[in-house]
Amino acid sequence: MSNVSSLEELYADELKDLWSANDQMAKVLKKIAPKATHQKLKTILSNSQEGIGKHTEVLKGLIEGLDQKVKKEHCKGMQGLVEEATKHTIDDAPAKGPVLDAAIIAQYQRMTHYGITGFGTVAAFAGALKRSEDKKALDTAVAEIARGDELMSELAEAAINVQAAAKK
């Protein structure tokens, strides 16, 4: 983060950070998604990747609307989450099946919660800055990300965790 002296500058920096976070999450999901075995999990992961792309375009448009150079700022927070996701679902992953699917959901949700928090924060900044169209777009993104998280929780609780628990 550069030397920030106003909420508008902080807002711009956070948007750039979220862009990086989105790109990192999208990249790791491309590696993780093929490892999923449950069909509904595969579908949610695919839809999520489409959503991440859509939200990245929103971020780029908002940055451009601030008359800022449209570039991302590396997100170290998501970098750590991606490293953990890689470790638990690829490098030291359980065998293919419901336990791996449960690990995929856990890592997905950790990254998703980071996104919900980040998008929610910039939505609040947009509101304070009286950028109502920005706030509306960001609130929509938060709702969509939260819905993906809810779908993962429902799938985990109704099927995958139950199946994983049955594995001995």
C-alpha atoms as a PDB file:
ATOM      1  CA  MET A   1       0.000   0.000   0.000  1.00  0.00           C
ATOM      2  CA  SER A   2       1.383   3.376  -0.949  1.00  0.00           C
ATOM      3  CA  ASN A   3       1.313   6.439   1.289  1.00  0.00           C
ATOM      4  CA  VAL A   4      -2.403   6.843   1.793  1.00  0.00           C
ATOM      5  CA  SER A   5      -3.734  10.110   3.149  1.00  0.00           C
ATOM      6  CA  SER A   6      -7.438   9.991   2.259  1.00  0.00           C
ATOM      7  CA  LEU A   7     -10.299   7.514   2.254  1.00  0.00           C
ATOM      8  CA  GLU A   8     -10.463   7.807  -1.538  1.00  0.00           C
ATOM      9  CA  GLU A   9      -6.812   6.713  -1.795  1.00  0.00           C
ATOM     10  CA  LEU A  10      -7.438   3.876   0.659  1.00  0.00           C
ATOM     11  CA  TYR A  11     -10.489   2.854  -1.373  1.00  0.00           C
ATOM     12  CA  ALA A  12      -8.424   2.747  -4.578  1.00  0.00           C
ATOM     13  CA  ASP A  13      -5.651   0.723  -2.911  1.00  0.00           C
ATOM     14  CA  GLU A  14      -8.135  -1.757  -1.490  1.00  0.00           C
ATOM     15  CA  LEU A  15      -9.808  -2.207  -4.885  1.00  0.00           C
ATOM     16  CA  LYS A  16      -6.402  -2.969  -6.423  1.00  0.00           C
ATOM     17  CA  ASP A  17      -5.633  -5.410  -3.612  1.00  0.00           C
ATOM     18  CA  LEU A  18      -8.958  -7.193  -4.177  1.00  0.00           C
ATOM     19  CA  TRP A  19      -8.208  -7.506  -7.874  1.00  0.00           C
ATOM     20  CA  SER A  20      -4.992  -9.319  -6.986  1.00  0.00           C
ATOM     21  CA  ALA A  21      -6.839 -11.477  -4.446  1.00  0.00           C
ATOM     22  CA  ASN A  22      -9.411 -12.434  -7.083  1.00  0.00           C
ATOM     23  CA  ASP A  23      -6.738 -13.337  -9.617  1.00  0.00           C
ATOM     24  CA  GLN A  24      -4.886 -15.479  -7.099  1.00  0.00           C
ATOM     25  CA  MET A  25      -8.048 -17.284  -6.020  1.00  0.00           C
ATOM     26  CA  ALA A  26      -9.079 -17.899  -9.635  1.00  0.00           C
ATOM     27  CA  LYS A  27      -5.664 -19.331 -10.438  1.00  0.00           C
ATOM     28  CA  VAL A  28      -5.651 -21.784  -7.530  1.00  0.00           C
ATOM     29  CA  LEU A  29      -9.272 -22.820  -8.143  1.00  0.00           C
ATOM     30  CA  LYS A  30      -8.292 -23.839 -11.688  1.00  0.00           C
ATOM     31  CA  LYS A  31      -5.810 -26.260 -10.109  1.00  0.00           C
ATOM     32  CA  ILE A  32      -8.124 -27.466  -7.348  1.00  0.00           C
ATOM     33  CA  ALA A  33     -11.422 -27.845  -9.225  1.00  0.00           C
ATOM     34  CA  PRO A  34     -10.378 -30.873 -11.318  1.00  0.00           C
ATOM     35  CA  LYS A  35      -9.561 -32.751  -8.103  1.00  0.00           C
ATOM     36  CA  ALA A  36     -13.140 -32.509  -6.802  1.00  0.00           C
ATOM     37  CA  THR A  37     -15.161 -35.711  -7.082  1.00  0.00           C
ATOM     38  CA  HIS A  38     -18.688 -34.645  -6.093  1.00  0.00           C
ATOM     39  CA  GLN A  39     -20.528 -33.346  -9.168  1.00  0.00           C
ATOM     40  CA  LYS A  40     -22.310 -30.547  -7.321  1.00  0.00           C
ATOM     41  CA  LEU A  41     -18.973 -29.391  -5.885  1.00  0.00           C
ATOM     42  CA  LYS A  42     -17.514 -29.298  -9.392  1.00  0.00           C
ATOM     43  CA  THR A  43     -20.474 -27.205 -10.550  1.00  0.00           C
ATOM     44  CA  ILE A  44     -20.190 -24.733  -7.670  1.00  0.00           C
ATOM     45  CA  LEU A  45     -16.445 -24.363  -8.256  1.00  0.00           C
ATOM     46  CA  SER A  46     -17.023 -23.739 -11.969  1.00  0.00           C
ATOM     47  CA  ASN A  47     -19.717 -21.145 -11.274  1.00  0.00           C
ATOM     48  CA  SER A  48     -17.474 -19.551  -8.686  1.00  0.00           C
ATOM     49  CA  GLN A  49     -14.684 -19.111 -11.215  1.00  0.00           C
ATOM     50  CA  GLU A  50     -17.119 -17.333 -13.531  1.00  0.00           C
ATOM     51  CA  GLY A  51     -18.201 -15.100 -10.638  1.00  0.00           C
ATOM     52  CA  ILE A  52     -14.613 -14.238  -9.767  1.00  0.00           C
ATOM     53  CA  GLY A  53     -14.033 -13.134 -13.353  1.00  0.00           C
ATOM     54  CA  LYS A  54     -17.169 -10.992 -13.273  1.00  0.00           C
ATOM     55  CA  HIS A  55     -16.148  -9.400  -9.973  1.00  0.00           C
ATOM     56  CA  THR A  56     -12.655  -8.710 -11.298  1.00  0.00           C
ATOM     57  CA  GLU A  57     -14.194  -6.760 -14.186  1.00  0.00           C
ATOM     58  CA  VAL A  58     -16.258  -4.777 -11.657  1.00  0.00           C
ATOM     59  CA  LEU A  59     -13.087  -3.940  -9.719  1.00  0.00           C
ATOM     60  CA  LYS A  60     -11.237  -2.844 -12.856  1.00  0.00           C
ATOM     61  CA  GLY A  61     -14.153  -0.597 -13.843  1.00  0.00           C
ATOM     62  CA  LEU A  62     -14.294   0.985 -10.391  1.00  0.00           C
ATOM     63  CA  ILE A  63     -10.553   1.647 -10.401  1.00  0.00           C
ATOM     64  CA  GLU A  64     -10.829   3.186 -13.857  1.00  0.00           C
ATOM     65  CA  GLY A  65     -13.714   5.355 -12.603  1.00  0.00           C
ATOM     66  CA  LEU A  66     -11.406   6.798  -9.961  1.00  0.00           C
ATOM     67  CA  ASP A  67      -9.036   8.012 -12.672  1.00  0.00           C
ATOM     68  CA  GLN A  68      -6.467   5.603 -11.293  1.00  0.00           C
ATOM     69  CA  LYS A  69      -3.976   3.572 -13.260  1.00  0.00           C
ATOM     70  CA  VAL A  70      -5.748   0.264 -13.772  1.00  0.00           C
ATOM     71  CA  LYS A  71      -3.303  -2.105 -12.139  1.00  0.00           C
ATOM     72  CA  LYS A  72      -3.474  -4.516  -9.272  1.00  0.00           C
ATOM     73  CA  GLU A  73      -1.502  -4.377  -6.053  1.00  0.00           C
ATOM     74  CA  HIS A  74      -0.262  -7.769  -4.854  1.00  0.00           C
ATOM     75  CA  CYS A  75      -2.426  -9.129  -2.034  1.00  0.00           C
ATOM     76  CA  LYS A  76      -0.246 -10.882   0.517  1.00  0.00           C
ATOM     77  CA  GLY A  77      -3.283 -11.958   2.558  1.00  0.00           C
ATOM     78  CA  MET A  78      -4.707 -14.014  -0.296  1.00  0.00           C
ATOM     79  CA  GLN A  79      -1.220 -15.250  -1.117  1.00  0.00           C
ATOM     80  CA  GLY A  80      -1.115 -16.951   2.287  1.00  0.00           C
ATOM     81  CA  LEU A  81      -4.595 -18.410   1.830  1.00  0.00           C
ATOM     82  CA  VAL A  82      -3.650 -19.717  -1.620  1.00  0.00           C
ATOM     83  CA  GLU A  83      -0.500 -21.318  -0.195  1.00  0.00           C
ATOM     84  CA  GLU A  84      -2.614 -23.054   2.453  1.00  0.00           C
ATOM     85  CA  ALA A  85      -5.186 -24.154  -0.129  1.00  0.00           C
ATOM     86  CA  THR A  86      -2.431 -25.590  -2.313  1.00  0.00           C
ATOM     87  CA  LYS A  87      -0.895 -27.428   0.624  1.00  0.00           C
ATOM     88  CA  HIS A  88      -4.174 -28.979   1.790  1.00  0.00           C
ATOM     89  CA  THR A  89      -5.726 -29.829  -1.574  1.00  0.00           C
ATOM     90  CA  ILE A  90      -2.749 -30.528  -3.843  1.00  0.00           C
ATOM     91  CA  ASP A  91       0.632 -30.987  -2.128  1.00  0.00           C
ATOM     92  CA  ASP A  92      -0.453 -32.854   1.030  1.00  0.00           C
ATOM     93  CA  ALA A  93      -3.981 -33.648  -0.102  1.00  0.00           C
ATOM     94  CA  PRO A  94      -6.115 -36.538   1.115  1.00  0.00           C
ATOM     95  CA  ALA A  95      -6.838 -39.294  -1.391  1.00  0.00           C
ATOM     96  CA  LYS A  96      -9.450 -38.487  -4.014  1.00  0.00           C
ATOM     97  CA  GLY A  97     -12.942 -38.726  -2.577  1.00  0.00           C
ATOM     98  CA  PRO A  98     -15.143 -37.117   0.074  1.00  0.00           C
ATOM     99  CA  VAL A  99     -12.314 -36.213   2.472  1.00  0.00           C
ATOM    100  CA  LEU A 100     -10.540 -34.330  -0.314  1.00  0.00           C
ATOM    101  CA  ASP A 101     -13.844 -32.714  -1.290  1.00  0.00           C
ATOM    102  CA  ALA A 102     -14.263 -31.590   2.347  1.00  0.00           C
ATOM    103  CA  ALA A 103     -10.736 -30.132   2.278  1.00  0.00           C
ATOM    104  CA  ILE A 104     -11.529 -28.311  -0.971  1.00  0.00           C
ATOM    105  CA  ILE A 105     -14.649 -26.782   0.573  1.00  0.00           C
ATOM    106  CA  ALA A 106     -12.728 -25.714   3.682  1.00  0.00           C
ATOM    107  CA  GLN A 107     -10.049 -23.968   1.660  1.00  0.00           C
ATOM    108  CA  TYR A 108     -12.565 -22.442  -0.743  1.00  0.00           C
ATOM    109  CA  GLN A 109     -14.525 -21.008   2.170  1.00  0.00           C
ATOM    110  CA  ARG A 110     -11.433 -19.506   3.777  1.00  0.00           C
ATOM    111  CA  MET A 111     -10.620 -17.675   0.561  1.00  0.00           C
ATOM    112  CA  THR A 112     -14.255 -16.731   0.043  1.00  0.00           C
ATOM    113  CA  HIS A 113     -14.560 -15.238   3.521  1.00  0.00           C
ATOM    114  CA  TYR A 114     -11.545 -13.076   2.736  1.00  0.00           C
ATOM    115  CA  GLY A 115     -13.391 -11.882  -0.369  1.00  0.00           C
ATOM    116  CA  ILE A 116     -16.618 -11.185   1.513  1.00  0.00           C
ATOM    117  CA  THR A 117     -14.701  -9.109   4.037  1.00  0.00           C
ATOM    118  CA  GLY A 118     -12.714  -7.248   1.390  1.00  0.00           C
ATOM    119  CA  PHE A 119     -15.664  -6.469  -0.848  1.00  0.00           C
ATOM    120  CA  GLY A 120     -17.782  -5.517   2.168  1.00  0.00           C
ATOM    121  CA  THR A 121     -15.102  -3.113   3.362  1.00  0.00           C
ATOM    122  CA  VAL A 122     -14.765  -1.348   0.027  1.00  0.00           C
ATOM    123  CA  ALA A 123     -18.565  -1.196  -0.250  1.00  0.00           C
ATOM    124  CA  ALA A 124     -18.590   0.645   3.090  1.00  0.00           C
ATOM    125  CA  PHE A 125     -15.850   2.978   1.835  1.00  0.00           C
ATOM    126  CA  ALA A 126     -17.853   3.637  -1.344  1.00  0.00           C
ATOM    127  CA  GLY A 127     -20.878   4.498   0.773  1.00  0.00           C
ATOM    128  CA  ALA A 128     -18.889   6.919   2.918  1.00  0.00           C
ATOM    129  CA  LEU A 129     -17.467   8.504  -0.234  1.00  0.00           C
ATOM    130  CA  LYS A 130     -21.012   8.933  -1.655  1.00  0.00           C
ATOM    131  CA  ARG A 131     -20.160   6.694  -4.602  1.00  0.00           C
ATOM    132  CA  SER A 132     -23.618   5.110  -4.720  1.00  0.00           C
ATOM    133  CA  GLU A 133     -23.160   3.232  -8.005  1.00  0.00           C
ATOM    134  CA  ASP A 134     -19.870   1.767  -6.760  1.00  0.00           C
ATOM    135  CA  LYS A 135     -21.538   0.749  -3.504  1.00  0.00           C
ATOM    136  CA  LYS A 136     -24.397  -0.904  -5.351  1.00  0.00           C
ATOM    137  CA  ALA A 137     -22.003  -2.930  -7.538  1.00  0.00           C
ATOM    138  CA  LEU A 138     -19.892  -3.927  -4.548  1.00  0.00           C
ATOM    139  CA  ASP A 139     -22.918  -4.870  -2.430  1.00  0.00           C
ATOM    140  CA  THR A 140     -24.090  -7.077  -5.291  1.00  0.00           C
ATOM    141  CA  ALA A 141     -20.677  -8.751  -5.399  1.00  0.00           C
ATOM    142  CA  VAL A 142     -20.781  -9.343  -1.621  1.00  0.00           C
ATOM    143  CA  ALA A 143     -24.220 -10.953  -1.926  1.00  0.00           C
ATOM    144  CA  GLU A 144     -23.072 -13.187  -4.790  1.00  0.00           C
ATOM    145  CA  ILE A 145     -19.914 -14.258  -2.966  1.00  0.00           C
ATOM    146  CA  ALA A 146     -21.888 -14.919   0.212  1.00  0.00           C
ATOM    147  CA  ARG A 147     -24.370 -17.040  -1.751  1.00  0.00           C
ATOM    148  CA  GLY A 148     -21.512 -19.170  -3.093  1.00  0.00           C
ATOM    149  CA  ASP A 149     -20.295 -19.637   0.467  1.00  0.00           C
ATOM    150  CA  GLU A 150     -23.812 -20.646   1.590  1.00  0.00           C
ATOM    151  CA  LEU A 151     -24.049 -23.195  -1.227  1.00  0.00           C
ATOM    152  CA  MET A 152     -20.739 -24.704  -0.141  1.00  0.00           C
ATOM    153  CA  SER A 153     -21.910 -24.916   3.485  1.00  0.00           C
ATOM    154  CA  GLU A 154     -25.168 -26.578   2.416  1.00  0.00           C
ATOM    155  CA  LEU A 155     -23.313 -29.103   0.270  1.00  0.00           C
ATOM    156  CA  ALA A 156     -20.778 -29.832   2.993  1.00  0.00           C
ATOM    157  CA  GLU A 157     -23.392 -30.308   5.703  1.00  0.00           C
ATOM    158  CA  ALA A 158     -25.895 -32.290   3.627  1.00  0.00           C
ATOM    159  CA  ALA A 159     -23.516 -34.578   1.760  1.00  0.00           C
ATOM    160  CA  ILE A 160     -19.767 -34.223   1.680  1.00  0.00           C
ATOM    161  CA  ASN A 161     -19.006 -34.028   5.411  1.00  0.00           C
ATOM    162  CA  VAL A 162     -21.384 -36.926   6.041  1.00  0.00           C
ATOM    163  CA  GLN A 163     -19.650 -38.995   3.351  1.00  0.00           C
ATOM    164  CA  ALA A 164     -16.205 -38.002   4.638  1.00  0.00           C
ATOM    165  CA  ALA A 165     -17.172 -38.945   8.209  1.00  0.00           C
ATOM    166  CA  ALA A 166     -18.196 -42.412   6.994  1.00  0.00           C
ATOM    167  CA  LYS A 167     -14.675 -42.986   5.614  1.00  0.00           C
ATOM    168  CA  LYS A 168     -12.563 -44.900   8.107  1.00  0.00           C
END
